[in-house]
């Protein structure tokens, strides 16, 4: 990994940390799910996704990849269905605007990642799975296996180059990145819920 690649990877990490910080602020400001909260959250995830697509990691001439899969898979999971839809519309719209032979696959990746995140949220709400680091790791692996599968629908020459150059680095870097982002967002949610419960307890104590 050369210096340029390390720098680009560092930019991606900085984007994810920025996402966590701003999402935490939004979640604290609209703790009870008021409408502005998920809309702003979706705008945040979608906006960060666009920034990531504007500064992708270049692994070889014509072969690039970005963190949209990591970001969008978390949008609906932590922001809710409306946030996931908003983020998907923003990221998908930008990918359509970019155009190119891989546009359809790029949009499919956006849709798949949002739907997988919403599916995970649904499973958590039903108590089928938990939100923990290892669960996020397994989820990240699933997301990026699906993304790699979608890459096979690219034009044959491009698909072969992508598989040879991107597939393995994507699994090895973005799977743990998904787990880390999920863990950070979950930690923020836990802190917010704890603070909210404490405030409600103190309010009840004062009123009694």
N, C-alpha and C. Protein backbone atom coordinates (compact mmCIF):
# COMPACT_ATOMS: atom_id res chain seq x y z
N UNK A 1 0.85 -1.20 0.00
CA UNK A 1 0.00 0.00 0.00
C UNK A 1 0.88 1.24 0.00
N UNK A 2 0.79 2.05 -1.09
CA UNK A 2 1.65 3.21 -1.18
C UNK A 2 1.10 4.37 -0.37
N UNK A 3 1.86 5.47 -0.34
CA UNK A 3 1.49 6.62 0.48
C UNK A 3 0.17 7.24 0.04
N UNK A 4 -0.07 7.28 -1.27
CA UNK A 4 -1.32 7.86 -1.78
C UNK A 4 -2.52 7.05 -1.32
N UNK A 5 -2.41 5.73 -1.39
CA UNK A 5 -3.51 4.87 -0.95
C UNK A 5 -3.77 5.03 0.53
N UNK A 6 -2.70 5.13 1.32
CA UNK A 6 -2.86 5.33 2.76
C UNK A 6 -3.57 6.65 3.04
N UNK A 7 -3.19 7.69 2.30
CA UNK A 7 -3.84 8.99 2.47
C UNK A 7 -5.32 8.92 2.12
N UNK A 8 -5.66 8.24 1.02
CA UNK A 8 -7.05 8.11 0.62
C UNK A 8 -7.85 7.29 1.63
N UNK A 9 -7.22 6.26 2.17
CA UNK A 9 -7.88 5.45 3.20
C UNK A 9 -8.12 6.29 4.45
N UNK A 10 -7.13 7.14 4.79
CA UNK A 10 -7.29 8.03 5.94
C UNK A 10 -8.45 8.99 5.76
N UNK A 11 -8.65 9.47 4.53
CA UNK A 11 -9.78 10.35 4.24
C UNK A 11 -11.10 9.63 4.48
N UNK A 12 -11.15 8.37 4.07
CA UNK A 12 -12.37 7.59 4.27
C UNK A 12 -12.67 7.41 5.75
N UNK A 13 -11.64 7.14 6.54
CA UNK A 13 -11.81 7.00 7.98
C UNK A 13 -12.29 8.31 8.60
N UNK A 14 -11.71 9.42 8.15
CA UNK A 14 -12.13 10.74 8.66
C UNK A 14 -13.59 11.01 8.35
N UNK A 15 -14.04 10.60 7.16
CA UNK A 15 -15.44 10.78 6.79
C UNK A 15 -16.36 10.00 7.73
N UNK A 16 -15.98 8.76 8.04
CA UNK A 16 -16.80 7.94 8.92
C UNK A 16 -16.87 8.52 10.33
N UNK A 17 -15.76 9.04 10.82
CA UNK A 17 -15.75 9.65 12.15
C UNK A 17 -16.60 10.93 12.16
N UNK A 18 -16.52 11.70 11.09
CA UNK A 18 -17.35 12.90 10.97
C UNK A 18 -18.83 12.52 10.97
N UNK A 19 -19.16 11.46 10.26
CA UNK A 19 -20.53 10.96 10.22
C UNK A 19 -21.02 10.63 11.62
N UNK A 20 -20.20 9.93 12.39
CA UNK A 20 -20.58 9.55 13.76
C UNK A 20 -20.86 10.77 14.63
N UNK A 21 -19.99 11.76 14.56
CA UNK A 21 -20.12 12.95 15.40
C UNK A 21 -21.39 13.73 15.07
N UNK A 22 -21.63 13.96 13.79
CA UNK A 22 -22.81 14.76 13.40
C UNK A 22 -24.09 13.97 13.66
N UNK A 23 -24.07 12.67 13.40
CA UNK A 23 -25.26 11.85 13.66
C UNK A 23 -25.58 11.83 15.14
N UNK A 24 -24.55 11.81 15.97
CA UNK A 24 -24.77 11.86 17.42
C UNK A 24 -25.48 13.15 17.81
N UNK A 25 -25.06 14.27 17.22
CA UNK A 25 -25.70 15.56 17.51
C UNK A 25 -27.16 15.53 17.08
N UNK A 26 -27.44 15.02 15.89
CA UNK A 26 -28.82 14.95 15.40
C UNK A 26 -29.68 14.07 16.30
N UNK A 27 -29.12 12.93 16.71
CA UNK A 27 -29.88 12.00 17.55
C UNK A 27 -30.18 12.60 18.92
N UNK A 28 -29.24 13.38 19.45
CA UNK A 28 -29.47 14.02 20.75
C UNK A 28 -30.48 15.16 20.63
N UNK A 29 -30.46 15.86 19.51
CA UNK A 29 -31.36 17.00 19.33
C UNK A 29 -32.80 16.54 19.13
N UNK A 30 -32.98 15.46 18.37
CA UNK A 30 -34.33 14.94 18.12
C UNK A 30 -34.39 13.50 18.64
N UNK A 31 -34.43 13.36 19.97
CA UNK A 31 -34.33 12.06 20.61
C UNK A 31 -35.59 11.21 20.43
N UNK A 32 -36.71 11.83 20.23
CA UNK A 32 -37.97 11.09 20.21
C UNK A 32 -38.47 10.82 18.80
N UNK A 33 -37.60 10.91 17.83
CA UNK A 33 -37.96 10.55 16.47
C UNK A 33 -38.79 11.58 15.74
N UNK A 34 -38.71 12.86 16.16
CA UNK A 34 -39.43 13.90 15.45
C UNK A 34 -38.97 13.94 13.99
N UNK A 35 -39.87 14.36 13.10
CA UNK A 35 -39.63 14.29 11.66
C UNK A 35 -38.31 14.89 11.19
N UNK A 36 -37.88 16.06 11.71
CA UNK A 36 -36.61 16.59 11.22
C UNK A 36 -35.42 15.65 11.46
N UNK A 37 -35.48 14.86 12.52
CA UNK A 37 -34.37 13.97 12.85
C UNK A 37 -34.01 13.01 11.74
N UNK A 38 -34.94 12.12 11.33
CA UNK A 38 -34.59 11.16 10.27
C UNK A 38 -34.29 11.81 8.93
N UNK A 39 -34.95 12.94 8.63
CA UNK A 39 -34.66 13.62 7.37
C UNK A 39 -33.23 14.15 7.36
N UNK A 40 -32.85 14.82 8.46
CA UNK A 40 -31.48 15.33 8.55
C UNK A 40 -30.48 14.19 8.60
N UNK A 41 -30.83 13.11 9.29
CA UNK A 41 -29.95 11.96 9.36
C UNK A 41 -29.73 11.35 7.98
N UNK A 42 -30.83 11.21 7.22
CA UNK A 42 -30.70 10.69 5.87
C UNK A 42 -29.88 11.61 4.98
N UNK A 43 -30.10 12.93 5.14
CA UNK A 43 -29.30 13.89 4.39
C UNK A 43 -27.83 13.79 4.73
N UNK A 44 -27.55 13.56 6.02
CA UNK A 44 -26.16 13.42 6.46
C UNK A 44 -25.51 12.19 5.84
N UNK A 45 -26.17 11.04 5.95
CA UNK A 45 -25.61 9.81 5.39
C UNK A 45 -25.44 9.93 3.87
N UNK A 46 -26.46 10.49 3.21
CA UNK A 46 -26.37 10.66 1.77
C UNK A 46 -25.28 11.64 1.37
N UNK A 47 -25.17 12.75 2.10
CA UNK A 47 -24.14 13.75 1.80
C UNK A 47 -22.74 13.22 2.00
N UNK A 48 -22.53 12.51 3.12
CA UNK A 48 -21.21 11.92 3.37
C UNK A 48 -20.88 10.89 2.30
N UNK A 49 -21.91 10.17 1.86
CA UNK A 49 -21.71 9.17 0.80
C UNK A 49 -21.24 9.84 -0.49
N UNK A 50 -21.84 10.99 -0.82
CA UNK A 50 -21.44 11.71 -2.03
C UNK A 50 -19.99 12.19 -1.91
N UNK A 51 -19.64 12.71 -0.74
CA UNK A 51 -18.25 13.14 -0.54
C UNK A 51 -17.31 11.96 -0.73
N UNK A 52 -17.69 10.79 -0.20
CA UNK A 52 -16.87 9.60 -0.39
C UNK A 52 -16.72 9.22 -1.85
N UNK A 53 -17.78 9.38 -2.62
CA UNK A 53 -17.71 9.06 -4.05
C UNK A 53 -16.88 10.08 -4.82
N UNK A 54 -16.80 11.30 -4.26
CA UNK A 54 -16.00 12.33 -4.92
C UNK A 54 -14.50 12.14 -4.68
N UNK A 55 -14.16 11.47 -3.57
CA UNK A 55 -12.73 11.22 -3.27
C UNK A 55 -12.51 9.73 -3.03
N UNK A 56 -12.75 8.89 -4.06
CA UNK A 56 -12.62 7.44 -3.89
C UNK A 56 -11.17 6.99 -3.78
N UNK A 57 -11.01 5.74 -3.37
CA UNK A 57 -9.68 5.14 -3.36
C UNK A 57 -9.40 4.58 -4.76
N UNK A 58 -8.26 4.96 -5.33
CA UNK A 58 -7.88 4.50 -6.67
C UNK A 58 -6.87 3.36 -6.52
N UNK A 59 -7.29 2.15 -6.88
CA UNK A 59 -6.41 0.99 -6.72
C UNK A 59 -5.63 0.67 -7.98
N UNK A 60 -6.17 1.11 -9.12
CA UNK A 60 -5.50 0.89 -10.41
C UNK A 60 -6.18 1.80 -11.41
N UNK A 61 -5.54 2.07 -12.54
CA UNK A 61 -6.17 2.92 -13.55
C UNK A 61 -7.56 2.42 -13.93
N UNK A 62 -8.57 3.24 -13.69
CA UNK A 62 -9.94 2.86 -14.00
C UNK A 62 -10.61 2.00 -12.96
N UNK A 63 -9.90 1.66 -11.89
CA UNK A 63 -10.48 0.82 -10.84
C UNK A 63 -10.48 1.60 -9.53
N UNK A 64 -11.67 2.02 -9.11
CA UNK A 64 -11.81 2.80 -7.88
C UNK A 64 -12.91 2.20 -7.02
N UNK A 65 -12.85 2.49 -5.72
CA UNK A 65 -13.99 2.14 -4.88
C UNK A 65 -14.05 3.09 -3.70
N UNK A 66 -15.25 3.22 -3.15
CA UNK A 66 -15.48 4.19 -2.10
C UNK A 66 -16.30 3.52 -0.99
N UNK A 67 -16.58 4.31 0.04
CA UNK A 67 -17.20 3.75 1.23
C UNK A 67 -18.72 3.82 1.22
N UNK A 68 -19.34 3.96 0.05
CA UNK A 68 -20.81 4.09 0.02
C UNK A 68 -21.49 2.88 0.64
N UNK A 69 -20.93 1.68 0.45
CA UNK A 69 -21.54 0.47 0.99
C UNK A 69 -21.55 0.50 2.51
N UNK A 70 -20.47 0.98 3.11
CA UNK A 70 -20.39 1.08 4.57
C UNK A 70 -21.40 2.09 5.08
N UNK A 71 -21.44 3.25 4.48
CA UNK A 71 -22.28 4.35 4.95
C UNK A 71 -23.76 4.05 4.76
N UNK A 72 -24.14 3.61 3.57
CA UNK A 72 -25.56 3.40 3.28
C UNK A 72 -26.14 2.21 4.03
N UNK A 73 -25.34 1.21 4.32
CA UNK A 73 -25.85 0.06 5.07
C UNK A 73 -26.19 0.45 6.51
N UNK A 74 -25.61 1.55 7.00
CA UNK A 74 -25.88 2.01 8.35
C UNK A 74 -27.01 3.06 8.41
N UNK A 75 -27.35 3.64 7.27
CA UNK A 75 -28.32 4.74 7.24
C UNK A 75 -29.67 4.32 7.79
N UNK A 76 -30.25 3.29 7.20
CA UNK A 76 -31.55 2.83 7.67
C UNK A 76 -31.48 2.12 9.00
N UNK A 77 -30.37 1.45 9.25
CA UNK A 77 -30.21 0.70 10.49
C UNK A 77 -30.28 1.61 11.70
N UNK A 78 -29.61 2.77 11.63
CA UNK A 78 -29.58 3.67 12.77
C UNK A 78 -30.46 4.90 12.62
N UNK A 79 -30.76 5.28 11.39
CA UNK A 79 -31.59 6.46 11.19
C UNK A 79 -33.06 6.15 11.02
N UNK A 80 -33.39 4.88 10.68
CA UNK A 80 -34.76 4.51 10.44
C UNK A 80 -35.08 4.46 8.96
N UNK A 81 -36.27 3.96 8.61
CA UNK A 81 -36.64 3.82 7.19
C UNK A 81 -36.58 5.12 6.41
N UNK A 82 -37.10 6.21 6.98
CA UNK A 82 -37.10 7.48 6.26
C UNK A 82 -35.68 7.95 5.99
N UNK A 83 -34.80 7.82 6.98
CA UNK A 83 -33.40 8.20 6.79
C UNK A 83 -32.75 7.35 5.71
N UNK A 84 -33.04 6.06 5.71
CA UNK A 84 -32.48 5.18 4.69
C UNK A 84 -32.93 5.56 3.30
N UNK A 85 -34.23 5.89 3.17
CA UNK A 85 -34.76 6.28 1.86
C UNK A 85 -34.13 7.59 1.38
N UNK A 86 -34.06 8.57 2.29
CA UNK A 86 -33.46 9.86 1.93
C UNK A 86 -32.01 9.68 1.51
N UNK A 87 -31.26 8.92 2.29
CA UNK A 87 -29.84 8.69 1.96
C UNK A 87 -29.70 7.98 0.62
N UNK A 88 -30.56 6.98 0.39
CA UNK A 88 -30.51 6.25 -0.87
C UNK A 88 -30.84 7.12 -2.07
N UNK A 89 -31.84 7.99 -1.91
CA UNK A 89 -32.21 8.89 -3.01
C UNK A 89 -31.07 9.86 -3.34
N UNK A 90 -30.43 10.38 -2.29
CA UNK A 90 -29.33 11.32 -2.51
C UNK A 90 -28.15 10.63 -3.20
N UNK A 91 -27.73 9.49 -2.64
CA UNK A 91 -26.58 8.78 -3.20
C UNK A 91 -26.89 8.21 -4.58
N UNK A 92 -28.10 7.64 -4.73
CA UNK A 92 -28.48 7.08 -6.02
C UNK A 92 -28.62 8.16 -7.09
N UNK A 93 -29.19 9.31 -6.70
CA UNK A 93 -29.32 10.41 -7.64
C UNK A 93 -27.97 10.91 -8.12
N UNK A 94 -27.03 10.98 -7.18
CA UNK A 94 -25.69 11.44 -7.56
C UNK A 94 -25.02 10.43 -8.49
N UNK A 95 -25.24 9.13 -8.21
CA UNK A 95 -24.62 8.11 -9.08
C UNK A 95 -25.22 8.15 -10.48
N UNK A 96 -26.53 8.42 -10.57
CA UNK A 96 -27.16 8.57 -11.89
C UNK A 96 -26.57 9.78 -12.61
N UNK A 97 -26.37 10.86 -11.88
CA UNK A 97 -25.81 12.07 -12.47
C UNK A 97 -24.41 11.83 -13.01
N UNK A 98 -23.63 10.99 -12.31
CA UNK A 98 -22.28 10.67 -12.78
C UNK A 98 -22.31 9.91 -14.10
N UNK A 99 -23.32 9.08 -14.28
CA UNK A 99 -23.46 8.32 -15.52
C UNK A 99 -22.40 7.25 -15.68
N UNK A 100 -22.08 6.91 -16.91
CA UNK A 100 -21.06 5.90 -17.18
C UNK A 100 -21.67 4.51 -17.35
N UNK A 101 -20.85 3.58 -17.85
CA UNK A 101 -21.32 2.23 -18.12
C UNK A 101 -21.69 1.46 -16.85
N UNK A 102 -21.13 1.88 -15.72
CA UNK A 102 -21.43 1.18 -14.47
C UNK A 102 -22.53 1.82 -13.66
N UNK A 103 -23.28 2.74 -14.27
CA UNK A 103 -24.29 3.47 -13.52
C UNK A 103 -25.35 2.54 -12.93
N UNK A 104 -25.87 1.61 -13.72
CA UNK A 104 -26.93 0.73 -13.25
C UNK A 104 -26.46 -0.10 -12.06
N UNK A 105 -25.25 -0.63 -12.16
CA UNK A 105 -24.70 -1.42 -11.05
C UNK A 105 -24.47 -0.53 -9.83
N UNK A 106 -23.98 0.69 -10.06
CA UNK A 106 -23.76 1.62 -8.95
C UNK A 106 -25.04 1.93 -8.20
N UNK A 107 -26.12 2.16 -8.93
CA UNK A 107 -27.42 2.42 -8.31
C UNK A 107 -27.91 1.16 -7.59
N UNK A 108 -27.69 -0.01 -8.20
CA UNK A 108 -28.09 -1.26 -7.56
C UNK A 108 -27.36 -1.46 -6.23
N UNK A 109 -26.10 -1.07 -6.18
CA UNK A 109 -25.33 -1.16 -4.93
C UNK A 109 -25.96 -0.26 -3.86
N UNK A 110 -26.34 0.95 -4.26
CA UNK A 110 -26.98 1.88 -3.33
C UNK A 110 -28.26 1.27 -2.77
N UNK A 111 -29.12 0.77 -3.65
CA UNK A 111 -30.40 0.20 -3.23
C UNK A 111 -30.19 -1.01 -2.33
N UNK A 112 -29.27 -1.89 -2.73
CA UNK A 112 -29.02 -3.11 -1.96
C UNK A 112 -28.53 -2.79 -0.56
N UNK A 113 -27.62 -1.84 -0.43
CA UNK A 113 -27.06 -1.50 0.88
C UNK A 113 -28.12 -0.90 1.80
N UNK A 114 -28.97 -0.02 1.25
CA UNK A 114 -30.04 0.56 2.05
C UNK A 114 -31.01 -0.53 2.51
N UNK A 115 -31.40 -1.42 1.60
CA UNK A 115 -32.35 -2.48 1.94
C UNK A 115 -31.77 -3.45 2.96
N UNK A 116 -30.50 -3.77 2.84
CA UNK A 116 -29.86 -4.66 3.82
C UNK A 116 -29.85 -4.03 5.21
N UNK A 117 -29.55 -2.71 5.26
CA UNK A 117 -29.58 -2.02 6.54
C UNK A 117 -30.96 -2.01 7.16
N UNK A 118 -31.98 -1.76 6.35
CA UNK A 118 -33.35 -1.77 6.85
C UNK A 118 -33.77 -3.18 7.28
N UNK A 119 -33.29 -4.18 6.54
CA UNK A 119 -33.58 -5.56 6.93
C UNK A 119 -32.97 -5.91 8.27
N UNK A 120 -31.76 -5.45 8.50
CA UNK A 120 -31.08 -5.69 9.78
C UNK A 120 -31.85 -4.98 10.91
N UNK A 121 -32.30 -3.76 10.65
CA UNK A 121 -33.08 -3.02 11.66
C UNK A 121 -34.36 -3.77 12.01
N UNK A 122 -35.03 -4.27 10.97
CA UNK A 122 -36.27 -5.04 11.18
C UNK A 122 -36.00 -6.27 12.03
N UNK A 123 -34.89 -6.98 11.71
CA UNK A 123 -34.55 -8.18 12.48
C UNK A 123 -34.22 -7.84 13.93
N UNK A 124 -33.56 -6.71 14.17
CA UNK A 124 -33.25 -6.28 15.53
C UNK A 124 -34.53 -5.93 16.30
N UNK A 125 -35.45 -5.25 15.63
CA UNK A 125 -36.71 -4.88 16.29
C UNK A 125 -37.53 -6.10 16.67
N UNK A 126 -37.39 -7.18 15.90
CA UNK A 126 -38.11 -8.41 16.20
C UNK A 126 -37.37 -9.29 17.20
N UNK A 127 -36.16 -8.87 17.56
CA UNK A 127 -35.38 -9.64 18.51
C UNK A 127 -34.68 -10.85 17.93
N UNK A 128 -34.58 -10.89 16.61
CA UNK A 128 -33.94 -12.03 15.96
C UNK A 128 -32.43 -11.94 16.02
N UNK A 129 -31.89 -10.74 15.97
CA UNK A 129 -30.44 -10.54 16.06
C UNK A 129 -30.17 -9.37 17.00
N UNK A 130 -28.93 -9.25 17.44
CA UNK A 130 -28.54 -8.15 18.33
C UNK A 130 -27.63 -7.18 17.58
N UNK A 131 -27.39 -6.05 18.21
CA UNK A 131 -26.45 -5.07 17.67
C UNK A 131 -25.18 -5.13 18.51
N UNK A 132 -24.18 -5.82 18.02
CA UNK A 132 -22.90 -5.94 18.69
C UNK A 132 -21.80 -5.95 17.66
N UNK A 133 -20.56 -5.82 18.10
CA UNK A 133 -19.45 -5.71 17.16
C UNK A 133 -19.37 -6.91 16.23
N UNK A 134 -19.50 -8.12 16.76
CA UNK A 134 -19.37 -9.31 15.92
C UNK A 134 -20.57 -9.48 15.00
N UNK A 135 -21.74 -9.05 15.48
CA UNK A 135 -22.91 -9.06 14.59
C UNK A 135 -22.73 -8.07 13.45
N UNK A 136 -22.17 -6.90 13.78
CA UNK A 136 -21.90 -5.91 12.74
C UNK A 136 -20.84 -6.43 11.76
N UNK A 137 -19.89 -7.18 12.28
CA UNK A 137 -18.85 -7.76 11.42
C UNK A 137 -19.47 -8.73 10.42
N UNK A 138 -20.36 -9.60 10.91
CA UNK A 138 -21.04 -10.54 10.02
C UNK A 138 -21.92 -9.79 9.02
N UNK A 139 -22.58 -8.75 9.49
CA UNK A 139 -23.42 -7.94 8.60
C UNK A 139 -22.57 -7.27 7.53
N UNK A 140 -21.43 -6.72 7.92
CA UNK A 140 -20.53 -6.08 6.96
C UNK A 140 -20.05 -7.06 5.91
N UNK A 141 -19.77 -8.29 6.32
CA UNK A 141 -19.34 -9.32 5.36
C UNK A 141 -20.46 -9.60 4.37
N UNK A 142 -21.69 -9.73 4.90
CA UNK A 142 -22.84 -9.98 4.02
C UNK A 142 -23.02 -8.85 3.01
N UNK A 143 -22.96 -7.62 3.49
CA UNK A 143 -23.14 -6.45 2.62
C UNK A 143 -22.13 -6.48 1.47
N UNK A 144 -20.89 -6.74 1.79
CA UNK A 144 -19.86 -6.63 0.76
C UNK A 144 -19.78 -7.86 -0.14
N UNK A 145 -20.28 -8.99 0.33
CA UNK A 145 -20.43 -10.13 -0.58
C UNK A 145 -21.53 -9.84 -1.60
N UNK A 146 -22.60 -9.19 -1.14
CA UNK A 146 -23.67 -8.80 -2.06
C UNK A 146 -23.15 -7.78 -3.07
N UNK A 147 -22.37 -6.80 -2.60
CA UNK A 147 -21.81 -5.79 -3.50
C UNK A 147 -20.90 -6.44 -4.54
N UNK A 148 -20.07 -7.37 -4.10
CA UNK A 148 -19.18 -8.06 -5.05
C UNK A 148 -20.00 -8.85 -6.07
N UNK A 149 -21.08 -9.47 -5.62
CA UNK A 149 -21.96 -10.18 -6.56
C UNK A 149 -22.52 -9.21 -7.61
N UNK A 150 -22.92 -8.02 -7.17
CA UNK A 150 -23.46 -7.04 -8.12
C UNK A 150 -22.40 -6.58 -9.12
N UNK A 151 -21.14 -6.58 -8.68
CA UNK A 151 -20.06 -6.20 -9.59
C UNK A 151 -19.98 -7.13 -10.80
N UNK A 152 -20.46 -8.36 -10.66
CA UNK A 152 -20.38 -9.31 -11.78
C UNK A 152 -21.27 -8.89 -12.95
N UNK A 153 -22.17 -7.94 -12.71
CA UNK A 153 -23.05 -7.46 -13.78
C UNK A 153 -22.45 -6.29 -14.55
N UNK A 154 -21.25 -5.86 -14.17
CA UNK A 154 -20.55 -4.85 -14.94
C UNK A 154 -20.13 -5.44 -16.29
N UNK A 155 -19.78 -4.59 -17.27
CA UNK A 155 -19.25 -5.13 -18.52
C UNK A 155 -18.09 -6.09 -18.24
N UNK A 156 -18.01 -7.17 -19.02
CA UNK A 156 -17.11 -8.29 -18.72
C UNK A 156 -15.67 -7.85 -18.42
N UNK A 157 -15.12 -6.98 -19.25
CA UNK A 157 -13.73 -6.56 -19.07
C UNK A 157 -13.55 -5.79 -17.76
N UNK A 158 -14.51 -4.90 -17.48
CA UNK A 158 -14.45 -4.12 -16.24
C UNK A 158 -14.66 -5.03 -15.03
N UNK A 159 -15.62 -5.95 -15.13
CA UNK A 159 -15.92 -6.85 -14.02
C UNK A 159 -14.70 -7.70 -13.66
N UNK A 160 -13.99 -8.17 -14.67
CA UNK A 160 -12.80 -8.99 -14.41
C UNK A 160 -11.73 -8.18 -13.69
N UNK A 161 -11.52 -6.94 -14.14
CA UNK A 161 -10.52 -6.09 -13.51
C UNK A 161 -10.91 -5.76 -12.07
N UNK A 162 -12.19 -5.49 -11.86
CA UNK A 162 -12.67 -5.18 -10.52
C UNK A 162 -12.51 -6.37 -9.59
N UNK A 163 -12.87 -7.55 -10.08
CA UNK A 163 -12.76 -8.75 -9.25
C UNK A 163 -11.30 -9.03 -8.87
N UNK A 164 -10.41 -8.80 -9.82
CA UNK A 164 -8.99 -9.07 -9.56
C UNK A 164 -8.38 -8.04 -8.61
N UNK A 165 -8.90 -6.81 -8.65
CA UNK A 165 -8.25 -5.72 -7.93
C UNK A 165 -8.99 -5.25 -6.69
N UNK A 166 -10.33 -5.25 -6.74
CA UNK A 166 -11.12 -4.63 -5.69
C UNK A 166 -11.73 -5.61 -4.70
N UNK A 167 -12.16 -6.77 -5.16
CA UNK A 167 -12.97 -7.67 -4.34
C UNK A 167 -12.33 -7.99 -2.99
N UNK A 168 -11.11 -8.49 -3.00
CA UNK A 168 -10.46 -8.87 -1.74
C UNK A 168 -10.18 -7.67 -0.84
N UNK A 169 -9.58 -6.57 -1.37
CA UNK A 169 -9.38 -5.39 -0.50
C UNK A 169 -10.68 -4.86 0.09
N UNK A 170 -11.77 -4.94 -0.68
CA UNK A 170 -13.05 -4.46 -0.17
C UNK A 170 -13.50 -5.28 1.02
N UNK A 171 -13.43 -6.60 0.91
CA UNK A 171 -13.84 -7.46 2.01
C UNK A 171 -12.96 -7.25 3.24
N UNK A 172 -11.65 -7.14 3.02
CA UNK A 172 -10.71 -7.04 4.13
C UNK A 172 -10.75 -5.68 4.82
N UNK A 173 -11.12 -4.63 4.11
CA UNK A 173 -11.13 -3.29 4.72
C UNK A 173 -12.52 -2.82 5.10
N UNK A 174 -13.49 -3.00 4.21
CA UNK A 174 -14.81 -2.43 4.46
C UNK A 174 -15.66 -3.29 5.39
N UNK A 175 -15.37 -4.59 5.49
CA UNK A 175 -16.10 -5.41 6.46
C UNK A 175 -15.81 -4.95 7.89
N UNK A 176 -14.54 -4.84 8.30
CA UNK A 176 -14.28 -4.30 9.65
C UNK A 176 -14.67 -2.84 9.78
N UNK A 177 -14.59 -2.06 8.69
CA UNK A 177 -15.01 -0.66 8.75
C UNK A 177 -16.50 -0.57 9.07
N UNK A 178 -17.30 -1.45 8.49
CA UNK A 178 -18.73 -1.50 8.78
C UNK A 178 -18.97 -1.85 10.24
N UNK A 179 -18.22 -2.83 10.74
CA UNK A 179 -18.36 -3.23 12.13
C UNK A 179 -17.98 -2.08 13.07
N UNK A 180 -16.91 -1.38 12.74
CA UNK A 180 -16.47 -0.27 13.59
C UNK A 180 -17.48 0.87 13.57
N UNK A 181 -17.96 1.24 12.38
CA UNK A 181 -18.95 2.31 12.30
C UNK A 181 -20.23 1.93 13.04
N UNK A 182 -20.67 0.69 12.87
CA UNK A 182 -21.86 0.23 13.58
C UNK A 182 -21.67 0.28 15.08
N UNK A 183 -20.51 -0.13 15.54
CA UNK A 183 -20.23 -0.13 16.99
C UNK A 183 -20.21 1.30 17.53
N UNK A 184 -19.62 2.22 16.79
CA UNK A 184 -19.58 3.62 17.23
C UNK A 184 -20.97 4.23 17.27
N UNK A 185 -21.77 3.98 16.24
CA UNK A 185 -23.13 4.51 16.20
C UNK A 185 -23.98 3.89 17.31
N UNK A 186 -23.80 2.60 17.55
CA UNK A 186 -24.55 1.94 18.61
C UNK A 186 -24.15 2.48 19.99
N UNK A 187 -22.87 2.76 20.16
CA UNK A 187 -22.40 3.34 21.43
C UNK A 187 -23.04 4.71 21.64
N UNK A 188 -23.12 5.50 20.58
CA UNK A 188 -23.78 6.80 20.68
C UNK A 188 -25.24 6.66 21.07
N UNK A 189 -25.94 5.72 20.42
CA UNK A 189 -27.35 5.49 20.73
C UNK A 189 -27.54 5.06 22.17
N UNK A 190 -26.66 4.19 22.65
CA UNK A 190 -26.76 3.71 24.03
C UNK A 190 -26.56 4.86 25.02
N UNK A 191 -25.59 5.71 24.75
CA UNK A 191 -25.34 6.87 25.62
C UNK A 191 -26.54 7.82 25.64
N UNK A 192 -27.13 8.04 24.48
CA UNK A 192 -28.29 8.93 24.39
C UNK A 192 -29.47 8.36 25.16
N UNK A 193 -29.74 7.07 25.00
CA UNK A 193 -30.85 6.43 25.71
C UNK A 193 -30.62 6.43 27.21
N UNK A 194 -29.37 6.23 27.63
CA UNK A 194 -29.05 6.25 29.06
C UNK A 194 -29.28 7.64 29.63
N UNK A 195 -28.82 8.67 28.90
CA UNK A 195 -29.01 10.05 29.36
C UNK A 195 -30.50 10.40 29.40
N UNK A 196 -31.25 9.93 28.42
CA UNK A 196 -32.68 10.21 28.38
C UNK A 196 -33.40 9.55 29.55
N UNK A 197 -33.04 8.29 29.84
CA UNK A 197 -33.65 7.58 30.96
C UNK A 197 -33.32 8.26 32.29
N UNK A 198 -32.08 8.74 32.43
CA UNK A 198 -31.67 9.43 33.64
C UNK A 198 -32.45 10.72 33.82
N UNK A 199 -32.61 11.46 32.72
CA UNK A 199 -33.36 12.72 32.79
C UNK A 199 -34.81 12.48 33.17
N UNK A 200 -35.42 11.43 32.62
CA UNK A 200 -36.80 11.11 32.94
C UNK A 200 -36.95 10.68 34.40
N UNK A 201 -35.96 9.93 34.89
CA UNK A 201 -35.99 9.49 36.29
C UNK A 201 -35.89 10.68 37.24
N UNK A 202 -34.99 11.62 36.90
CA UNK A 202 -34.83 12.81 37.74
C UNK A 202 -36.09 13.67 37.70
N UNK A 203 -36.72 13.74 36.53
CA UNK A 203 -37.95 14.52 36.41
C UNK A 203 -39.07 13.93 37.24
N UNK A 204 -39.17 12.61 37.22
CA UNK A 204 -40.19 11.92 38.02
C UNK A 204 -39.94 12.11 39.52
N UNK A 205 -38.64 12.07 39.90
CA UNK A 205 -38.28 12.23 41.31
C UNK A 205 -38.63 13.62 41.80
N UNK A 206 -38.41 14.65 40.96
CA UNK A 206 -38.72 16.01 41.35
C UNK A 206 -40.23 16.24 41.46
N UNK A 207 -40.98 15.65 40.54
CA UNK A 207 -42.43 15.84 40.55
C UNK A 207 -43.10 15.13 41.71
N UNK A 208 -42.46 14.05 42.19
CA UNK A 208 -43.03 13.32 43.32
C UNK A 208 -42.60 13.95 44.65
